[in-house]
Amino acid sequence: MLRVTYVWHSCFVVELDKNILVFDYFPKEAVETVHFEGKMPELDANKHIYVFASHKHHDHYDKKIFELAERYPH
């Protein structure tokens, strides 16, 4: 299985058979001038989640991504 979800800007979620890849996550509050409706999909808690940030800009990376660990054990 391969499912790609476009969240917003440069953020994508790629779901594979056993893993989920999250690219360039940032919350909409991170950029005041950005008004987007994109939202993270519900993730499968049984899959391993890997997060990638292409670079350190606030619209490509935010430490809030670590909050996923509170809901998803892998």
N, C-alpha and C. Protein backbone atom coordinates (compact mmCIF):
# COMPACT_ATOMS: atom_id res chain seq x y z
N MET A 1 0.84 -1.18 0.00
CA MET A 1 0.00 0.00 0.00
C MET A 1 0.88 1.24 0.00
N LEU A 2 0.43 2.24 -0.70
CA LEU A 2 1.09 3.54 -0.70
C LEU A 2 0.00 4.60 -0.76
N ARG A 3 -0.01 5.45 0.27
CA ARG A 3 -0.98 6.55 0.29
C ARG A 3 -0.20 7.83 0.61
N VAL A 4 -0.34 8.82 -0.25
CA VAL A 4 0.32 10.11 -0.06
C VAL A 4 -0.74 11.15 0.23
N THR A 5 -0.58 11.87 1.35
CA THR A 5 -1.51 12.92 1.73
C THR A 5 -0.78 14.25 1.74
N TYR A 6 -1.28 15.18 0.96
CA TYR A 6 -0.73 16.54 0.94
C TYR A 6 -1.39 17.29 2.08
N VAL A 7 -0.60 17.81 3.01
CA VAL A 7 -1.14 18.52 4.16
C VAL A 7 -1.18 20.01 3.87
N TRP A 8 -0.01 20.58 3.56
CA TRP A 8 0.07 22.00 3.22
C TRP A 8 1.52 22.36 2.92
N HIS A 9 1.68 23.35 2.06
CA HIS A 9 3.00 23.92 1.71
C HIS A 9 3.93 22.78 1.30
N SER A 10 4.87 22.43 2.15
CA SER A 10 5.81 21.35 1.82
C SER A 10 5.55 20.11 2.65
N CYS A 11 4.47 20.08 3.40
CA CYS A 11 4.19 18.94 4.29
C CYS A 11 3.38 17.86 3.56
N PHE A 12 3.96 16.67 3.59
CA PHE A 12 3.31 15.48 3.03
C PHE A 12 3.39 14.35 4.05
N VAL A 13 2.40 13.49 4.04
CA VAL A 13 2.43 12.27 4.84
C VAL A 13 2.36 11.11 3.86
N VAL A 14 3.32 10.21 3.95
CA VAL A 14 3.38 9.05 3.07
C VAL A 14 3.18 7.82 3.94
N GLU A 15 2.11 7.09 3.66
CA GLU A 15 1.81 5.89 4.43
C GLU A 15 2.16 4.66 3.60
N LEU A 16 3.00 3.82 4.17
CA LEU A 16 3.42 2.57 3.56
C LEU A 16 2.83 1.41 4.36
N ASP A 17 3.13 0.19 3.97
CA ASP A 17 2.57 -0.98 4.66
C ASP A 17 2.87 -0.99 6.16
N LYS A 18 4.11 -0.69 6.53
CA LYS A 18 4.52 -0.79 7.93
C LYS A 18 5.00 0.52 8.53
N ASN A 19 5.14 1.55 7.73
CA ASN A 19 5.71 2.81 8.20
C ASN A 19 4.92 4.01 7.69
N ILE A 20 5.10 5.12 8.39
CA ILE A 20 4.53 6.40 7.96
C ILE A 20 5.66 7.41 7.94
N LEU A 21 5.77 8.13 6.85
CA LEU A 21 6.81 9.15 6.68
C LEU A 21 6.14 10.52 6.68
N VAL A 22 6.62 11.42 7.52
CA VAL A 22 6.09 12.77 7.59
C VAL A 22 7.20 13.72 7.17
N PHE A 23 6.92 14.51 6.15
CA PHE A 23 7.91 15.44 5.60
C PHE A 23 7.51 16.89 5.88
N ASP A 24 8.45 17.65 6.42
CA ASP A 24 8.33 19.11 6.60
C ASP A 24 7.06 19.54 7.33
N TYR A 25 6.82 18.92 8.49
CA TYR A 25 5.65 19.29 9.28
C TYR A 25 5.84 20.65 9.95
N PHE A 26 4.78 21.43 9.99
CA PHE A 26 4.72 22.62 10.84
C PHE A 26 3.26 22.95 11.11
N PRO A 27 2.96 23.45 12.31
CA PRO A 27 1.57 23.81 12.62
C PRO A 27 1.24 25.17 12.02
N LYS A 28 -0.01 25.41 11.72
CA LYS A 28 -0.39 26.66 11.08
C LYS A 28 -0.07 27.87 11.95
N GLU A 29 0.03 27.69 13.26
CA GLU A 29 0.36 28.81 14.15
C GLU A 29 1.82 29.25 13.99
N ALA A 30 2.64 28.44 13.35
CA ALA A 30 4.06 28.75 13.24
C ALA A 30 4.34 29.91 12.30
N VAL A 31 3.43 30.18 11.39
CA VAL A 31 3.65 31.25 10.41
C VAL A 31 2.40 32.13 10.40
N GLU A 32 2.53 33.33 10.92
CA GLU A 32 1.37 34.22 11.05
C GLU A 32 0.72 34.57 9.72
N THR A 33 1.51 34.68 8.67
CA THR A 33 0.97 35.10 7.38
C THR A 33 0.37 33.95 6.57
N VAL A 34 0.51 32.73 7.09
CA VAL A 34 -0.01 31.58 6.37
C VAL A 34 -1.38 31.23 6.94
N HIS A 35 -2.36 31.15 6.08
CA HIS A 35 -3.71 30.77 6.49
C HIS A 35 -4.10 29.53 5.69
N PHE A 36 -3.81 28.37 6.25
CA PHE A 36 -4.08 27.15 5.52
C PHE A 36 -5.08 26.30 6.27
N GLU A 37 -5.73 25.46 5.54
CA GLU A 37 -6.72 24.56 6.11
C GLU A 37 -6.18 23.14 6.22
N GLY A 38 -4.93 22.95 5.79
CA GLY A 38 -4.36 21.61 5.82
C GLY A 38 -4.32 21.05 7.23
N LYS A 39 -4.53 19.76 7.34
CA LYS A 39 -4.53 19.14 8.66
C LYS A 39 -3.92 17.76 8.55
N MET A 40 -3.19 17.41 9.59
CA MET A 40 -2.57 16.09 9.62
C MET A 40 -3.66 15.02 9.66
N PRO A 41 -3.53 13.98 8.88
CA PRO A 41 -4.50 12.89 8.95
C PRO A 41 -4.29 12.08 10.23
N GLU A 42 -5.28 11.31 10.60
CA GLU A 42 -5.08 10.37 11.71
C GLU A 42 -4.06 9.35 11.24
N LEU A 43 -3.12 9.05 12.10
CA LEU A 43 -2.07 8.10 11.74
C LEU A 43 -2.35 6.75 12.40
N ASP A 44 -1.90 5.70 11.77
CA ASP A 44 -2.07 4.35 12.30
C ASP A 44 -1.06 4.14 13.43
N ALA A 45 -1.55 3.99 14.65
CA ALA A 45 -0.69 3.86 15.82
C ALA A 45 0.15 2.59 15.82
N ASN A 46 -0.17 1.64 14.96
CA ASN A 46 0.59 0.39 14.89
C ASN A 46 1.80 0.49 13.96
N LYS A 47 1.89 1.59 13.23
CA LYS A 47 3.00 1.75 12.29
C LYS A 47 4.09 2.64 12.90
N HIS A 48 5.30 2.45 12.43
CA HIS A 48 6.41 3.29 12.86
C HIS A 48 6.34 4.61 12.09
N ILE A 49 6.53 5.71 12.79
CA ILE A 49 6.44 7.04 12.19
C ILE A 49 7.85 7.63 12.14
N TYR A 50 8.23 8.09 10.96
CA TYR A 50 9.52 8.73 10.76
C TYR A 50 9.27 10.14 10.25
N VAL A 51 9.99 11.09 10.83
CA VAL A 51 9.79 12.51 10.51
C VAL A 51 11.05 13.05 9.84
N PHE A 52 10.85 13.79 8.76
CA PHE A 52 11.95 14.38 8.01
C PHE A 52 11.73 15.89 7.91
N ALA A 53 12.80 16.65 8.05
CA ALA A 53 12.74 18.10 7.86
C ALA A 53 13.79 18.46 6.82
N SER A 54 13.37 19.10 5.75
CA SER A 54 14.31 19.42 4.68
C SER A 54 15.28 20.53 5.09
N HIS A 55 14.82 21.43 5.96
CA HIS A 55 15.70 22.46 6.52
C HIS A 55 15.02 23.12 7.70
N LYS A 56 15.71 24.03 8.37
CA LYS A 56 15.31 24.54 9.68
C LYS A 56 14.29 25.68 9.65
N HIS A 57 13.88 26.17 8.52
CA HIS A 57 12.92 27.28 8.48
C HIS A 57 11.63 26.91 9.19
N HIS A 58 10.98 27.90 9.79
CA HIS A 58 9.78 27.68 10.59
C HIS A 58 8.60 27.10 9.80
N ASP A 59 8.64 27.19 8.49
CA ASP A 59 7.56 26.60 7.69
C ASP A 59 7.95 25.23 7.11
N HIS A 60 8.99 24.64 7.69
CA HIS A 60 9.40 23.29 7.29
C HIS A 60 9.70 22.41 8.49
N TYR A 61 9.82 23.03 9.67
CA TYR A 61 10.14 22.27 10.87
C TYR A 61 9.63 23.02 12.10
N ASP A 62 9.00 22.28 12.99
CA ASP A 62 8.59 22.84 14.27
C ASP A 62 8.70 21.74 15.31
N LYS A 63 9.21 22.09 16.49
CA LYS A 63 9.39 21.09 17.55
C LYS A 63 8.08 20.45 17.99
N LYS A 64 6.96 21.04 17.64
CA LYS A 64 5.67 20.45 18.01
C LYS A 64 5.48 19.06 17.40
N ILE A 65 6.27 18.73 16.40
CA ILE A 65 6.15 17.42 15.78
C ILE A 65 6.43 16.32 16.82
N PHE A 66 7.22 16.65 17.85
CA PHE A 66 7.53 15.66 18.89
C PHE A 66 6.30 15.32 19.73
N GLU A 67 5.26 16.14 19.66
CA GLU A 67 4.03 15.85 20.37
C GLU A 67 3.33 14.61 19.81
N LEU A 68 3.69 14.21 18.61
CA LEU A 68 3.13 12.97 18.05
C LEU A 68 3.47 11.78 18.95
N ALA A 69 4.60 11.84 19.62
CA ALA A 69 5.03 10.73 20.48
C ALA A 69 4.07 10.51 21.64
N GLU A 70 3.29 11.53 21.99
CA GLU A 70 2.32 11.37 23.07
C GLU A 70 1.14 10.51 22.63
N ARG A 71 0.85 10.51 21.35
CA ARG A 71 -0.30 9.75 20.82
C ARG A 71 0.07 8.47 20.11
N TYR A 72 1.29 8.44 19.60
CA TYR A 72 1.73 7.31 18.78
C TYR A 72 2.99 6.70 19.37
N PRO A 73 2.94 5.45 19.77
CA PRO A 73 4.09 4.83 20.48
C PRO A 73 5.32 4.54 19.62
N HIS A 74 5.15 4.47 18.31
CA HIS A 74 6.28 4.10 17.46
C HIS A 74 6.82 5.30 16.72
